[in-house]
């Protein structure tokens, strides 16, 4: 069985606040990983991101959205960890909806433009 050829269209949404990216694909993936892993460190590891970069991304997210999107609980008997706040879920859900809407629009409008490229082999 052969796999489909890779798409020649890439849609990437970034929401900016002044000179900072408030959310984009990487930060959305990080929020999803925090939710899944229950830890900022584990989320970063699962995405191949250093702990320092992960913390910087979380700090930016928390600063940009007017309320914390991720909270961290200190260790102890329960082990601590991190989780998305209600605001974090709202931000992630709204961003994923934006991504889906952009992809649907691209799927409708991009074929005419991509057809002008011709076969992918001609452009390598």
PDB file of N, CA and C in Angstrom:
ATOM      1  N   UNK A   1       0.841  -1.185   0.000  1.00  0.00           N
ATOM      2  CA  UNK A   1       0.000   0.000   0.000  1.00  0.00           C
ATOM      3  C   UNK A   1       0.882   1.242   0.000  1.00  0.00           C
ATOM      4  N   UNK A   2       0.610   2.167  -0.885  1.00  0.00           N
ATOM      5  CA  UNK A   2       1.402   3.391  -0.942  1.00  0.00           C
ATOM      6  C   UNK A   2       0.706   4.490  -0.164  1.00  0.00           C
ATOM      7  N   UNK A   3       1.498   5.372   0.389  1.00  0.00           N
ATOM      8  CA  UNK A   3       0.917   6.480   1.137  1.00  0.00           C
ATOM      9  C   UNK A   3       0.687   7.652   0.203  1.00  0.00           C
ATOM     10  N   UNK A   4      -0.204   8.532   0.618  1.00  0.00           N
ATOM     11  CA  UNK A   4      -0.508   9.719  -0.185  1.00  0.00           C
ATOM     12  C   UNK A   4       0.714  10.624  -0.231  1.00  0.00           C
ATOM     13  N   UNK A   5       0.900  11.330  -1.341  1.00  0.00           N
ATOM     14  CA  UNK A   5       2.037  12.254  -1.402  1.00  0.00           C
ATOM     15  C   UNK A   5       1.859  13.376  -0.385  1.00  0.00           C
ATOM     16  N   UNK A   6       2.955  13.929   0.098  1.00  0.00           N
ATOM     17  CA  UNK A   6       2.829  15.005   1.078  1.00  0.00           C
ATOM     18  C   UNK A   6       2.153  16.221   0.445  1.00  0.00           C
ATOM     19  N   UNK A   7       1.383  16.909   1.256  1.00  0.00           N
ATOM     20  CA  UNK A   7       0.683  18.099   0.774  1.00  0.00           C
ATOM     21  C   UNK A   7       1.687  19.197   0.448  1.00  0.00           C
ATOM     22  N   UNK A   8       1.392  19.964  -0.570  1.00  0.00           N
ATOM     23  CA  UNK A   8       2.239  21.090  -0.933  1.00  0.00           C
ATOM     24  C   UNK A   8       1.694  22.388  -0.335  1.00  0.00           C
ATOM     25  N   UNK A   9       0.665  22.270   0.492  1.00  0.00           N
ATOM     26  CA  UNK A   9       0.049  23.436   1.108  1.00  0.00           C
ATOM     27  C   UNK A   9       0.206  23.339   2.616  1.00  0.00           C
ATOM     28  N   UNK A  10       0.735  24.383   3.208  1.00  0.00           N
ATOM     29  CA  UNK A  10       0.896  24.426   4.654  1.00  0.00           C
ATOM     30  C   UNK A  10       0.200  25.684   5.172  1.00  0.00           C
ATOM     31  N   UNK A  11      -0.748  25.479   6.072  1.00  0.00           N
ATOM     32  CA  UNK A  11      -1.481  26.583   6.684  1.00  0.00           C
ATOM     33  C   UNK A  11      -1.052  26.644   8.139  1.00  0.00           C
ATOM     34  N   UNK A  12      -0.626  27.816   8.585  1.00  0.00           N
ATOM     35  CA  UNK A  12      -0.173  27.986   9.960  1.00  0.00           C
ATOM     36  C   UNK A  12      -0.759  29.285  10.490  1.00  0.00           C
ATOM     37  N   UNK A  13      -1.487  29.182  11.586  1.00  0.00           N
ATOM     38  CA  UNK A  13      -2.081  30.372  12.201  1.00  0.00           C
ATOM     39  C   UNK A  13      -1.295  30.750  13.440  1.00  0.00           C
ATOM     40  N   UNK A  14      -1.009  32.019  13.557  1.00  0.00           N
ATOM     41  CA  UNK A  14      -0.385  32.558  14.765  1.00  0.00           C
ATOM     42  C   UNK A  14      -1.224  33.751  15.213  1.00  0.00           C
ATOM     43  N   UNK A  15      -1.529  33.776  16.497  1.00  0.00           N
ATOM     44  CA  UNK A  15      -2.222  34.912  17.089  1.00  0.00           C
ATOM     45  C   UNK A  15      -1.171  35.690  17.861  1.00  0.00           C
ATOM     46  N   UNK A  16      -0.997  36.958  17.505  1.00  0.00           N
ATOM     47  CA  UNK A  16       0.067  37.767  18.098  1.00  0.00           C
ATOM     48  C   UNK A  16      -0.505  38.848  19.005  1.00  0.00           C
ATOM     49  N   UNK A  17       0.227  39.128  20.038  1.00  0.00           N
ATOM     50  CA  UNK A  17      -0.045  40.241  20.937  1.00  0.00           C
ATOM     51  C   UNK A  17       1.217  41.079  20.951  1.00  0.00           C
ATOM     52  N   UNK A  18       1.141  42.232  20.316  1.00  0.00           N
ATOM     53  CA  UNK A  18       2.309  43.090  20.122  1.00  0.00           C
ATOM     54  C   UNK A  18       3.392  42.283  19.412  1.00  0.00           C
ATOM     55  N   UNK A  19       4.552  42.107  20.014  1.00  0.00           N
ATOM     56  CA  UNK A  19       5.637  41.393  19.332  1.00  0.00           C
ATOM     57  C   UNK A  19       5.756  39.934  19.770  1.00  0.00           C
ATOM     58  N   UNK A  20       4.770  39.438  20.501  1.00  0.00           N
ATOM     59  CA  UNK A  20       4.820  38.055  20.993  1.00  0.00           C
ATOM     60  C   UNK A  20       3.779  37.195  20.294  1.00  0.00           C
ATOM     61  N   UNK A  21       4.123  35.945  20.071  1.00  0.00           N
ATOM     62  CA  UNK A  21       3.151  34.989  19.554  1.00  0.00           C
ATOM     63  C   UNK A  21       2.387  34.465  20.757  1.00  0.00           C
ATOM     64  N   UNK A  22       1.123  34.871  20.862  1.00  0.00           N
ATOM     65  CA  UNK A  22       0.281  34.460  21.981  1.00  0.00           C
ATOM     66  C   UNK A  22      -0.074  32.985  21.871  1.00  0.00           C
ATOM     67  N   UNK A  23      -0.301  32.528  20.652  1.00  0.00           N
ATOM     68  CA  UNK A  23      -0.485  31.099  20.396  1.00  0.00           C
ATOM     69  C   UNK A  23      -0.264  30.828  18.916  1.00  0.00           C
ATOM     70  N   UNK A  24       0.297  29.692  18.654  1.00  0.00           N
ATOM     71  CA  UNK A  24       0.532  29.189  17.310  1.00  0.00           C
ATOM     72  C   UNK A  24       0.548  27.675  17.409  1.00  0.00           C
ATOM     73  N   UNK A  25       0.921  26.995  16.353  1.00  0.00           N
ATOM     74  CA  UNK A  25       0.894  25.527  16.377  1.00  0.00           C
ATOM     75  C   UNK A  25       1.734  24.914  17.501  1.00  0.00           C
ATOM     76  N   UNK A  26       2.916  25.444  17.738  1.00  0.00           N
ATOM     77  CA  UNK A  26       3.790  24.878  18.779  1.00  0.00           C
ATOM     78  C   UNK A  26       3.224  25.051  20.172  1.00  0.00           C
ATOM     79  N   UNK A  27       2.712  26.230  20.465  1.00  0.00           N
ATOM     80  CA  UNK A  27       2.134  26.473  21.792  1.00  0.00           C
ATOM     81  C   UNK A  27       0.845  25.667  21.985  1.00  0.00           C
ATOM     82  N   UNK A  28       0.055  25.532  20.922  1.00  0.00           N
ATOM     83  CA  UNK A  28      -1.159  24.711  21.021  1.00  0.00           C
ATOM     84  C   UNK A  28      -0.788  23.252  21.294  1.00  0.00           C
ATOM     85  N   UNK A  29       0.218  22.757  20.591  1.00  0.00           N
ATOM     86  CA  UNK A  29       0.671  21.379  20.835  1.00  0.00           C
ATOM     87  C   UNK A  29       1.185  21.225  22.262  1.00  0.00           C
ATOM     88  N   UNK A  30       1.861  22.252  22.774  1.00  0.00           N
ATOM     89  CA  UNK A  30       2.358  22.203  24.150  1.00  0.00           C
ATOM     90  C   UNK A  30       1.198  22.162  25.140  1.00  0.00           C
ATOM     91  N   UNK A  31       0.176  22.985  24.931  1.00  0.00           N
ATOM     92  CA  UNK A  31      -0.983  22.947  25.829  1.00  0.00           C
ATOM     93  C   UNK A  31      -1.631  21.562  25.829  1.00  0.00           C
ATOM     94  N   UNK A  32      -1.798  20.983  24.653  1.00  0.00           N
ATOM     95  CA  UNK A  32      -2.372  19.642  24.558  1.00  0.00           C
ATOM     96  C   UNK A  32      -1.494  18.622  25.281  1.00  0.00           C
ATOM     97  N   UNK A  33      -0.178  18.772  25.166  1.00  0.00           N
ATOM     98  CA  UNK A  33       0.746  17.844  25.824  1.00  0.00           C
ATOM     99  C   UNK A  33       0.703  18.004  27.345  1.00  0.00           C
ATOM    100  N   UNK A  34       0.583  19.232  27.833  1.00  0.00           N
ATOM    101  CA  UNK A  34       0.454  19.451  29.285  1.00  0.00           C
ATOM    102  C   UNK A  34      -0.808  18.754  29.785  1.00  0.00           C
ATOM    103  N   UNK A  35      -1.895  18.906  29.039  1.00  0.00           N
ATOM    104  CA  UNK A  35      -3.150  18.255  29.426  1.00  0.00           C
ATOM    105  C   UNK A  35      -2.984  16.738  29.451  1.00  0.00           C
ATOM    106  N   UNK A  36      -2.331  16.197  28.451  1.00  0.00           N
ATOM    107  CA  UNK A  36      -2.145  14.754  28.333  1.00  0.00           C
ATOM    108  C   UNK A  36      -1.176  14.207  29.380  1.00  0.00           C
ATOM    109  N   UNK A  37      -0.047  14.910  29.586  1.00  0.00           N
ATOM    110  CA  UNK A  37       1.037  14.410  30.437  1.00  0.00           C
ATOM    111  C   UNK A  37       0.890  14.795  31.905  1.00  0.00           C
ATOM    112  N   UNK A  38       0.204  15.909  32.177  1.00  0.00           N
ATOM    113  CA  UNK A  38       0.041  16.346  33.566  1.00  0.00           C
ATOM    114  C   UNK A  38       1.284  16.996  34.148  1.00  0.00           C
ATOM    115  N   UNK A  39       2.216  17.383  33.290  1.00  0.00           N
ATOM    116  CA  UNK A  39       3.477  17.955  33.743  1.00  0.00           C
ATOM    117  C   UNK A  39       4.078  18.781  32.610  1.00  0.00           C
ATOM    118  N   UNK A  40       4.612  19.951  32.962  1.00  0.00           N
ATOM    119  CA  UNK A  40       5.279  20.780  31.961  1.00  0.00           C
ATOM    120  C   UNK A  40       6.530  20.080  31.439  1.00  0.00           C
ATOM    121  N   UNK A  41       7.307  19.513  32.339  1.00  0.00           N
ATOM    122  CA  UNK A  41       8.541  18.834  31.933  1.00  0.00           C
ATOM    123  C   UNK A  41       8.241  17.650  31.021  1.00  0.00           C
ATOM    124  N   UNK A  42       7.261  16.829  31.398  1.00  0.00           N
ATOM    125  CA  UNK A  42       6.908  15.665  30.585  1.00  0.00           C
ATOM    126  C   UNK A  42       6.329  16.095  29.239  1.00  0.00           C
ATOM    127  N   UNK A  43       5.563  17.178  29.234  1.00  0.00           N
ATOM    128  CA  UNK A  43       5.006  17.693  27.982  1.00  0.00           C
ATOM    129  C   UNK A  43       6.134  18.108  27.045  1.00  0.00           C
ATOM    130  N   UNK A  44       7.099  18.846  27.566  1.00  0.00           N
ATOM    131  CA  UNK A  44       8.237  19.261  26.752  1.00  0.00           C
ATOM    132  C   UNK A  44       9.011  18.074  26.209  1.00  0.00           C
ATOM    133  N   UNK A  45       9.267  17.088  27.071  1.00  0.00           N
ATOM    134  CA  UNK A  45       9.993  15.885  26.627  1.00  0.00           C
ATOM    135  C   UNK A  45       9.238  15.179  25.510  1.00  0.00           C
ATOM    136  N   UNK A  46       7.915  15.083  25.647  1.00  0.00           N
ATOM    137  CA  UNK A  46       7.127  14.370  24.635  1.00  0.00           C
ATOM    138  C   UNK A  46       7.170  15.079  23.282  1.00  0.00           C
ATOM    139  N   UNK A  47       7.439  16.379  23.300  1.00  0.00           N
ATOM    140  CA  UNK A  47       7.514  17.158  22.062  1.00  0.00           C
ATOM    141  C   UNK A  47       8.945  17.431  21.616  1.00  0.00           C
ATOM    142  N   UNK A  48       9.921  16.972  22.413  1.00  0.00           N
ATOM    143  CA  UNK A  48      11.324  17.206  22.073  1.00  0.00           C
ATOM    144  C   UNK A  48      11.764  18.633  22.303  1.00  0.00           C
ATOM    145  N   UNK A  49      11.157  19.305  23.285  1.00  0.00           N
ATOM    146  CA  UNK A  49      11.472  20.700  23.599  1.00  0.00           C
ATOM    147  C   UNK A  49      12.194  20.737  24.938  1.00  0.00           C
ATOM    148  N   UNK A  50      13.214  21.564  25.042  1.00  0.00           N
ATOM    149  CA  UNK A  50      13.939  21.681  26.310  1.00  0.00           C
ATOM    150  C   UNK A  50      13.023  22.231  27.402  1.00  0.00           C
ATOM    151  N   UNK A  51      13.362  21.932  28.647  1.00  0.00           N
ATOM    152  CA  UNK A  51      12.549  22.423  29.755  1.00  0.00           C
ATOM    153  C   UNK A  51      12.544  23.944  29.786  1.00  0.00           C
ATOM    154  N   UNK A  52      13.686  24.558  29.529  1.00  0.00           N
ATOM    155  CA  UNK A  52      13.750  26.026  29.539  1.00  0.00           C
ATOM    156  C   UNK A  52      12.835  26.626  28.480  1.00  0.00           C
ATOM    157  N   UNK A  53      12.864  26.080  27.267  1.00  0.00           N
ATOM    158  CA  UNK A  53      12.000  26.577  26.196  1.00  0.00           C
ATOM    159  C   UNK A  53      10.531  26.342  26.545  1.00  0.00           C
ATOM    160  N   UNK A  54      10.251  25.186  27.107  1.00  0.00           N
ATOM    161  CA  UNK A  54       8.888  24.874  27.523  1.00  0.00           C
ATOM    162  C   UNK A  54       8.384  25.884  28.547  1.00  0.00           C
ATOM    163  N   UNK A  55       9.215  26.181  29.551  1.00  0.00           N
ATOM    164  CA  UNK A  55       8.826  27.172  30.578  1.00  0.00           C
ATOM    165  C   UNK A  55       8.611  28.546  29.946  1.00  0.00           C
ATOM    166  N   UNK A  56       9.482  28.937  29.033  1.00  0.00           N
ATOM    167  CA  UNK A  56       9.335  30.229  28.364  1.00  0.00           C
ATOM    168  C   UNK A  56       8.016  30.295  27.589  1.00  0.00           C
ATOM    169  N   UNK A  57       7.669  29.215  26.909  1.00  0.00           N
ATOM    170  CA  UNK A  57       6.422  29.185  26.150  1.00  0.00           C
ATOM    171  C   UNK A  57       5.210  29.286  27.082  1.00  0.00           C
ATOM    172  N   UNK A  58       5.258  28.570  28.196  1.00  0.00           N
ATOM    173  CA  UNK A  58       4.158  28.617  29.168  1.00  0.00           C
ATOM    174  C   UNK A  58       4.054  30.022  29.767  1.00  0.00           C
ATOM    175  N   UNK A  59       5.191  30.627  30.095  1.00  0.00           N
ATOM    176  CA  UNK A  59       5.178  31.994  30.636  1.00  0.00           C
ATOM    177  C   UNK A  59       4.531  32.965  29.654  1.00  0.00           C
ATOM    178  N   UNK A  60       4.888  32.856  28.381  1.00  0.00           N
ATOM    179  CA  UNK A  60       4.297  33.727  27.362  1.00  0.00           C
ATOM    180  C   UNK A  60       2.793  33.498  27.268  1.00  0.00           C
ATOM    181  N   UNK A  61       2.384  32.244  27.234  1.00  0.00           N
ATOM    182  CA  UNK A  61       0.956  31.934  27.195  1.00  0.00           C
ATOM    183  C   UNK A  61       0.229  32.551  28.383  1.00  0.00           C
ATOM    184  N   UNK A  62       0.779  32.370  29.578  1.00  0.00           N
ATOM    185  CA  UNK A  62       0.126  32.884  30.785  1.00  0.00           C
ATOM    186  C   UNK A  62       0.057  34.408  30.797  1.00  0.00           C
ATOM    187  N   UNK A  63       1.035  35.069  30.213  1.00  0.00           N
ATOM    188  CA  UNK A  63       1.058  36.533  30.187  1.00  0.00           C
ATOM    189  C   UNK A  63       0.105  37.103  29.137  1.00  0.00           C
ATOM    190  N   UNK A  64      -0.055  36.420  28.031  1.00  0.00           N
ATOM    191  CA  UNK A  64      -0.805  36.978  26.902  1.00  0.00           C
ATOM    192  C   UNK A  64      -2.319  36.880  27.038  1.00  0.00           C
ATOM    193  N   UNK A  65      -2.827  35.930  27.770  1.00  0.00           N
ATOM    194  CA  UNK A  65      -4.256  35.651  27.736  1.00  0.00           C
ATOM    195  C   UNK A  65      -5.052  36.247  28.889  1.00  0.00           C
ATOM    196  N   UNK A  66      -4.462  37.138  29.656  1.00  0.00           N
ATOM    197  CA  UNK A  66      -5.206  37.845  30.683  1.00  0.00           C
ATOM    198  C   UNK A  66      -5.501  37.023  31.924  1.00  0.00           C
ATOM    199  N   UNK A  67      -5.182  35.769  31.889  1.00  0.00           N
ATOM    200  CA  UNK A  67      -5.345  34.864  33.027  1.00  0.00           C
ATOM    201  C   UNK A  67      -4.467  33.649  32.742  1.00  0.00           C
ATOM    202  N   UNK A  68      -4.083  32.967  33.773  1.00  0.00           N
ATOM    203  CA  UNK A  68      -3.222  31.786  33.589  1.00  0.00           C
ATOM    204  C   UNK A  68      -3.936  30.746  32.726  1.00  0.00           C
ATOM    205  N   UNK A  69      -3.197  30.150  31.804  1.00  0.00           N
ATOM    206  CA  UNK A  69      -3.727  29.051  31.002  1.00  0.00           C
ATOM    207  C   UNK A  69      -3.193  27.707  31.489  1.00  0.00           C
ATOM    208  N   UNK A  70      -2.065  27.752  32.192  1.00  0.00           N
ATOM    209  CA  UNK A  70      -1.478  26.555  32.804  1.00  0.00           C
ATOM    210  C   UNK A  70      -1.124  26.909  34.234  1.00  0.00           C
ATOM    211  N   UNK A  71      -1.483  26.027  35.157  1.00  0.00           N
ATOM    212  CA  UNK A  71      -1.047  26.216  36.544  1.00  0.00           C
ATOM    213  C   UNK A  71      -0.233  25.009  36.963  1.00  0.00           C
ATOM    214  N   UNK A  72       0.718  25.285  37.835  1.00  0.00           N
ATOM    215  CA  UNK A  72       1.614  24.252  38.343  1.00  0.00           C
ATOM    216  C   UNK A  72       1.406  24.126  39.837  1.00  0.00           C
ATOM    217  N   UNK A  73       1.286  22.901  40.294  1.00  0.00           N
ATOM    218  CA  UNK A  73       1.145  22.625  41.711  1.00  0.00           C
ATOM    219  C   UNK A  73       2.446  22.018  42.204  1.00  0.00           C
ATOM    220  N   UNK A  74       2.923  22.510  43.328  1.00  0.00           N
ATOM    221  CA  UNK A  74       4.184  22.023  43.904  1.00  0.00           C
ATOM    222  C   UNK A  74       4.085  20.540  44.219  1.00  0.00           C
ATOM    223  N   UNK A  75       5.245  19.889  44.220  1.00  0.00           N
ATOM    224  CA  UNK A  75       5.319  18.468  44.535  1.00  0.00           C
ATOM    225  C   UNK A  75       4.939  18.196  45.977  1.00  0.00           C
ATOM    226  N   UNK A  76       4.997  16.989  46.347  1.00  0.00           N
ATOM    227  CA  UNK A  76       4.606  16.573  47.691  1.00  0.00           C
ATOM    228  C   UNK A  76       4.089  15.153  47.604  1.00  0.00           C
ATOM    229  N   UNK A  77       3.195  14.788  48.502  1.00  0.00           N
ATOM    230  CA  UNK A  77       2.641  13.438  48.481  1.00  0.00           C
ATOM    231  C   UNK A  77       1.981  13.107  47.152  1.00  0.00           C
ATOM    232  N   UNK A  78       1.238  14.064  46.622  1.00  0.00           N
ATOM    233  CA  UNK A  78       0.539  13.824  45.352  1.00  0.00           C
ATOM    234  C   UNK A  78       1.458  13.997  44.150  1.00  0.00           C
ATOM    235  N   UNK A  79       2.657  14.514  44.356  1.00  0.00           N
ATOM    236  CA  UNK A  79       3.627  14.634  43.272  1.00  0.00           C
ATOM    237  C   UNK A  79       3.552  15.915  42.472  1.00  0.00           C
ATOM    238  N   UNK A  80       2.586  16.747  42.747  1.00  0.00           N
ATOM    239  CA  UNK A  80       2.493  18.010  42.015  1.00  0.00           C
ATOM    240  C   UNK A  80       2.087  17.784  40.580  1.00  0.00           C
ATOM    241  N   UNK A  81       2.478  18.687  39.711  1.00  0.00           N
ATOM    242  CA  UNK A  81       2.153  18.569  38.300  1.00  0.00           C
ATOM    243  C   UNK A  81       1.592  19.860  37.762  1.00  0.00           C
ATOM    244  N   UNK A  82       1.153  19.813  36.539  1.00  0.00           N
ATOM    245  CA  UNK A  82       0.603  20.989  35.855  1.00  0.00           C
ATOM    246  C   UNK A  82      -0.674  20.598  35.149  1.00  0.00           C
ATOM    247  N   UNK A  83      -1.536  21.593  34.968  1.00  0.00           N
ATOM    248  CA  UNK A  83      -2.782  21.341  34.249  1.00  0.00           C
ATOM    249  C   UNK A  83      -3.267  22.621  33.586  1.00  0.00           C
ATOM    250  N   UNK A  84      -4.120  22.452  32.610  1.00  0.00           N
ATOM    251  CA  UNK A  84      -4.737  23.601  31.970  1.00  0.00           C
ATOM    252  C   UNK A  84      -5.841  24.141  32.869  1.00  0.00           C
ATOM    253  N   UNK A  85      -5.952  25.437  32.890  1.00  0.00           N
ATOM    254  CA  UNK A  85      -7.063  26.084  33.581  1.00  0.00           C
ATOM    255  C   UNK A  85      -8.262  26.106  32.621  1.00  0.00           C
ATOM    256  N   UNK A  86      -9.393  26.583  33.125  1.00  0.00           N
ATOM    257  CA  UNK A  86     -10.544  26.750  32.234  1.00  0.00           C
ATOM    258  C   UNK A  86     -10.172  27.671  31.075  1.00  0.00           C
ATOM    259  N   UNK A  87      -9.425  28.742  31.385  1.00  0.00           N
ATOM    260  CA  UNK A  87      -8.981  29.679  30.342  1.00  0.00           C
ATOM    261  C   UNK A  87      -8.094  28.948  29.331  1.00  0.00           C
ATOM    262  N   UNK A  88      -7.216  28.066  29.810  1.00  0.00           N
ATOM    263  CA  UNK A  88      -6.355  27.293  28.925  1.00  0.00           C
ATOM    264  C   UNK A  88      -7.156  26.418  27.974  1.00  0.00           C
ATOM    265  N   UNK A  89      -8.197  25.778  28.490  1.00  0.00           N
ATOM    266  CA  UNK A  89      -9.058  24.964  27.629  1.00  0.00           C
ATOM    267  C   UNK A  89      -9.765  25.831  26.591  1.00  0.00           C
ATOM    268  N   UNK A  90     -10.239  27.002  27.010  1.00  0.00           N
ATOM    269  CA  UNK A  90     -10.906  27.920  26.076  1.00  0.00           C
ATOM    270  C   UNK A  90      -9.961  28.354  24.959  1.00  0.00           C
ATOM    271  N   UNK A  91      -8.740  28.724  25.334  1.00  0.00           N
ATOM    272  CA  UNK A  91      -7.756  29.178  24.347  1.00  0.00           C
ATOM    273  C   UNK A  91      -7.425  28.048  23.375  1.00  0.00           C
ATOM    274  N   UNK A  92      -7.146  26.862  23.896  1.00  0.00           N
ATOM    275  CA  UNK A  92      -6.793  25.734  23.034  1.00  0.00           C
ATOM    276  C   UNK A  92      -7.954  25.359  22.123  1.00  0.00           C
ATOM    277  N   UNK A  93      -9.164  25.291  22.667  1.00  0.00           N
ATOM    278  CA  UNK A  93     -10.329  24.933  21.849  1.00  0.00           C
ATOM    279  C   UNK A  93     -10.567  25.964  20.751  1.00  0.00           C
ATOM    280  N   UNK A  94     -10.467  27.252  21.083  1.00  0.00           N
ATOM    281  CA  UNK A  94     -10.678  28.305  20.085  1.00  0.00           C
ATOM    282  C   UNK A  94      -9.596  28.253  19.004  1.00  0.00           C
ATOM    283  N   UNK A  95      -8.351  27.987  19.397  1.00  0.00           N
ATOM    284  CA  UNK A  95      -7.268  27.902  18.417  1.00  0.00           C
ATOM    285  C   UNK A  95      -7.473  26.703  17.489  1.00  0.00           C
ATOM    286  N   UNK A  96      -7.842  25.557  18.049  1.00  0.00           N
ATOM    287  CA  UNK A  96      -8.070  24.365  17.217  1.00  0.00           C
ATOM    288  C   UNK A  96      -9.237  24.601  16.252  1.00  0.00           C
ATOM    289  N   UNK A  97     -10.266  25.327  16.689  1.00  0.00           N
ATOM    290  CA  UNK A  97     -11.381  25.661  15.800  1.00  0.00           C
ATOM    291  C   UNK A  97     -10.901  26.560  14.661  1.00  0.00           C
ATOM    292  N   UNK A  98     -10.033  27.518  14.974  1.00  0.00           N
ATOM    293  CA  UNK A  98      -9.457  28.385  13.947  1.00  0.00           C
ATOM    294  C   UNK A  98      -8.653  27.564  12.942  1.00  0.00           C
ATOM    295  N   UNK A  99      -7.821  26.657  13.447  1.00  0.00           N
ATOM    296  CA  UNK A  99      -7.033  25.805  12.547  1.00  0.00           C
ATOM    297  C   UNK A  99      -7.936  25.002  11.613  1.00  0.00           C
ATOM    298  N   UNK A 100      -9.000  24.448  12.171  1.00  0.00           N
ATOM    299  CA  UNK A 100      -9.920  23.638  11.371  1.00  0.00           C
ATOM    300  C   UNK A 100     -10.606  24.492  10.300  1.00  0.00           C
ATOM    301  N   UNK A 101     -11.035  25.681  10.674  1.00  0.00           N
ATOM    302  CA  UNK A 101     -11.687  26.572   9.712  1.00  0.00           C
ATOM    303  C   UNK A 101     -10.716  26.984   8.604  1.00  0.00           C
ATOM    304  N   UNK A 102      -9.478  27.282   8.967  1.00  0.00           N
ATOM    305  CA  UNK A 102      -8.473  27.638   7.961  1.00  0.00           C
ATOM    306  C   UNK A 102      -8.213  26.481   7.002  1.00  0.00           C
ATOM    307  N   UNK A 103      -8.129  25.272   7.536  1.00  0.00           N
ATOM    308  CA  UNK A 103      -7.872  24.106   6.690  1.00  0.00           C
ATOM    309  C   UNK A 103      -9.036  23.861   5.746  1.00  0.00           C
ATOM    310  N   UNK A 104     -10.261  24.020   6.233  1.00  0.00           N
ATOM    311  CA  UNK A 104     -11.431  23.839   5.370  1.00  0.00           C
ATOM    312  C   UNK A 104     -11.439  24.873   4.242  1.00  0.00           C
ATOM    313  N   UNK A 105     -11.102  26.103   4.576  1.00  0.00           N
ATOM    314  CA  UNK A 105     -11.018  27.145   3.554  1.00  0.00           C
ATOM    315  C   UNK A 105      -9.923  26.830   2.547  1.00  0.00           C
ATOM    316  N   UNK A 106      -8.775  26.409   3.052  1.00  0.00           N
ATOM    317  CA  UNK A 106      -7.661  26.053   2.166  1.00  0.00           C
ATOM    318  C   UNK A 106      -8.035  24.892   1.257  1.00  0.00           C
ATOM    319  N   UNK A 107      -8.728  23.900   1.802  1.00  0.00           N
ATOM    320  CA  UNK A 107      -9.128  22.748   0.999  1.00  0.00           C
ATOM    321  C   UNK A 107     -10.044  23.157  -0.151  1.00  0.00           C
ATOM    322  N   UNK A 108     -10.845  24.197   0.069  1.00  0.00           N
ATOM    323  CA  UNK A 108     -11.749  24.679  -0.977  1.00  0.00           C
ATOM    324  C   UNK A 108     -11.037  25.536  -2.013  1.00  0.00           C
ATOM    325  N   UNK A 109     -10.106  26.358  -1.593  1.00  0.00           N
ATOM    326  CA  UNK A 109      -9.542  27.368  -2.483  1.00  0.00           C
ATOM    327  C   UNK A 109      -8.152  27.050  -3.036  1.00  0.00           C
ATOM    328  N   UNK A 110      -7.414  26.205  -2.384  1.00  0.00           N
ATOM    329  CA  UNK A 110      -6.032  25.972  -2.778  1.00  0.00           C
ATOM    330  C   UNK A 110      -5.845  25.124  -4.031  1.00  0.00           C
ATOM    331  N   UNK A 111      -6.741  24.198  -4.365  1.00  0.00           N
ATOM    332  CA  UNK A 111      -6.457  23.350  -5.536  1.00  0.00           C
ATOM    333  C   UNK A 111      -6.136  24.119  -6.807  1.00  0.00           C
ATOM    334  N   UNK A 112      -6.852  25.211  -7.057  1.00  0.00           N
ATOM    335  CA  UNK A 112      -6.578  25.982  -8.278  1.00  0.00           C
ATOM    336  C   UNK A 112      -5.156  26.527  -8.275  1.00  0.00           C
ATOM    337  N   UNK A 113      -4.702  27.007  -7.156  1.00  0.00           N
ATOM    338  CA  UNK A 113      -3.346  27.532  -7.060  1.00  0.00           C
ATOM    339  C   UNK A 113      -2.317  26.411  -7.144  1.00  0.00           C
ATOM    340  N   UNK A 114      -2.565  25.325  -6.447  1.00  0.00           N
ATOM    341  CA  UNK A 114      -1.617  24.203  -6.455  1.00  0.00           C
ATOM    342  C   UNK A 114      -1.519  23.561  -7.835  1.00  0.00           C
ATOM    343  N   UNK A 115      -2.628  23.545  -8.589  1.00  0.00           N
ATOM    344  CA  UNK A 115      -2.586  22.979  -9.946  1.00  0.00           C
ATOM    345  C   UNK A 115      -1.628  23.753 -10.842  1.00  0.00           C
ATOM    346  N   UNK A 116      -1.446  25.028 -10.560  1.00  0.00           N
ATOM    347  CA  UNK A 116      -0.528  25.844 -11.353  1.00  0.00           C
ATOM    348  C   UNK A 116       0.928  25.459 -11.126  1.00  0.00           C
ATOM    349  N   UNK A 117       1.206  24.789 -10.009  1.00  0.00           N
ATOM    350  CA  UNK A 117       2.578  24.357  -9.736  1.00  0.00           C
ATOM    351  C   UNK A 117       3.009  23.233 -10.668  1.00  0.00           C
ATOM    352  N   UNK A 118       2.077  22.400 -11.080  1.00  0.00           N
ATOM    353  CA  UNK A 118       2.435  21.249 -11.884  1.00  0.00           C
ATOM    354  C   UNK A 118       2.924  20.134 -10.979  1.00  0.00           C
ATOM    355  N   UNK A 119       3.474  19.080 -11.570  1.00  0.00           N
ATOM    356  CA  UNK A 119       3.968  17.954 -10.767  1.00  0.00           C
ATOM    357  C   UNK A 119       5.052  18.378  -9.782  1.00  0.00           C
ATOM    358  N   UNK A 120       5.012  17.800  -8.598  1.00  0.00           N
ATOM    359  CA  UNK A 120       5.980  18.125  -7.548  1.00  0.00           C
ATOM    360  C   UNK A 120       7.406  17.846  -7.994  1.00  0.00           C
ATOM    361  N   UNK A 121       7.596  16.810  -8.837  1.00  0.00           N
ATOM    362  CA  UNK A 121       8.940  16.442  -9.255  1.00  0.00           C
ATOM    363  C   UNK A 121       9.642  17.574 -10.011  1.00  0.00           C
ATOM    364  N   UNK A 122       8.872  18.434 -10.653  1.00  0.00           N
ATOM    365  CA  UNK A 122       9.460  19.530 -11.424  1.00  0.00           C
ATOM    366  C   UNK A 122      10.044  20.619 -10.519  1.00  0.00           C
ATOM    367  N   UNK A 123       9.689  20.619  -9.249  1.00  0.00           N
ATOM    368  CA  UNK A 123      10.070  21.718  -8.359  1.00  0.00           C
ATOM    369  C   UNK A 123      11.124  21.328  -7.335  1.00  0.00           C
ATOM    370  N   UNK A 124      11.649  20.128  -7.423  1.00  0.00           N
ATOM    371  CA  UNK A 124      12.656  19.685  -6.445  1.00  0.00           C
ATOM    372  C   UNK A 124      14.021  20.219  -6.767  1.00  0.00           C
TER     373      UNK A 124
END
